[in-house]
Protein backbone atom coordinates (compact mmCIF):
# COMPACT_ATOMS: atom_id res chain seq x y z
CA MET A 1 0.00 0.00 0.00
CA SER A 2 1.47 3.37 -1.00
CA GLU A 3 1.66 6.24 1.44
CA ALA A 4 -0.74 9.15 0.81
CA LYS A 5 0.94 12.38 -0.23
CA ARG A 6 -0.03 15.97 -1.03
CA LYS A 7 1.69 18.52 -3.27
CA VAL A 8 1.70 21.99 -1.72
CA THR A 9 3.40 25.34 -2.08
CA ILE A 10 4.70 26.72 1.19
CA ILE A 11 5.21 30.47 1.55
CA TYR A 12 7.71 31.32 4.28
CA CYS A 13 10.21 33.80 5.70
CA CYS A 14 13.63 32.80 6.96
CA ASP A 15 14.22 33.64 10.61
CA ASN A 16 17.13 35.97 9.76
CA ASP A 17 15.54 37.62 6.68
CA LEU A 18 12.36 39.59 5.98
CA ALA A 19 12.03 38.44 2.35
CA MET A 20 9.28 35.95 1.49
CA TYR A 21 10.09 32.72 -0.31
CA ARG A 22 8.07 29.86 -1.72
CA LYS A 23 8.78 26.19 -2.29
CA THR A 24 6.60 23.55 -3.92
CA GLN A 25 7.07 20.11 -2.46
CA VAL A 26 5.27 16.82 -1.84
CA PHE A 27 4.70 15.83 1.80
CA ASN A 28 3.31 12.66 3.40
CA LEU A 29 -0.13 12.54 5.02
CA ASN A 30 -0.77 10.73 8.30
CA ALA A 31 -3.59 8.21 8.86
CA TYR A 32 -6.03 11.09 9.54
CA GLY A 33 -5.18 12.93 6.32
CA ASP A 34 -3.11 15.62 8.03
CA MET A 35 -0.01 16.73 6.16
CA ILE A 36 3.30 16.19 7.91
CA ILE A 37 5.91 18.91 7.33
CA PRO A 38 9.23 17.56 8.66
CA GLN A 39 11.10 19.52 11.34
CA ASP A 40 14.19 19.81 9.14
CA PHE A 41 12.10 21.70 6.56
CA LYS A 42 10.55 23.99 9.21
CA ARG A 43 13.84 24.72 10.98
CA GLY A 44 14.89 28.36 10.54
CA LYS A 45 11.63 29.35 8.84
CA THR A 46 8.36 31.04 9.73
CA ILE A 47 5.65 29.47 7.58
CA VAL A 48 3.21 32.14 6.36
CA ALA A 49 0.89 29.98 4.23
CA VAL A 50 0.44 26.47 2.89
CA CYS A 51 -1.32 26.39 -0.50
CA ASP A 52 -2.73 23.33 -2.25
CA GLY A 53 -0.71 22.39 -5.33
CA GLU A 54 1.72 24.50 -7.29
CA ILE A 55 0.89 28.20 -7.38
CA ASN A 56 2.22 31.24 -9.19
CA ILE A 57 2.37 34.38 -7.04
CA ILE A 58 1.81 37.48 -9.17
CA ASN A 59 2.32 40.06 -6.43
CA SER A 60 3.02 39.88 -2.70
CA VAL A 61 3.46 42.18 0.28
CA GLY A 62 6.48 44.42 -0.16
CA ASP A 63 7.02 43.78 -3.89
CA ARG A 64 6.26 47.38 -4.80
CA VAL A 65 8.28 48.79 -1.89
CA VAL A 66 11.35 46.75 -2.87
CA GLU A 67 10.96 47.68 -6.55
CA GLU A 68 10.64 51.41 -5.82
CA TYR A 69 13.58 51.36 -3.40
CA TRP A 70 15.98 49.56 -5.73
CA HIS A 71 14.99 51.22 -9.04
């Protein structure tokens, strides 16, 4: 019997950085259907959102501020 899995995109900040990042990855589900994000993935990060599947972020908080500051 194969283990149930779910593909998600996780939006996060690193503990030492204010920039937002995203990573699409497949994680295992437990017997109750809850997704298990391993501690080694969570270490050093603050998870902002977990989105179902692969997503494309068009605009996020701070994009305009960073663009205006650097250009």
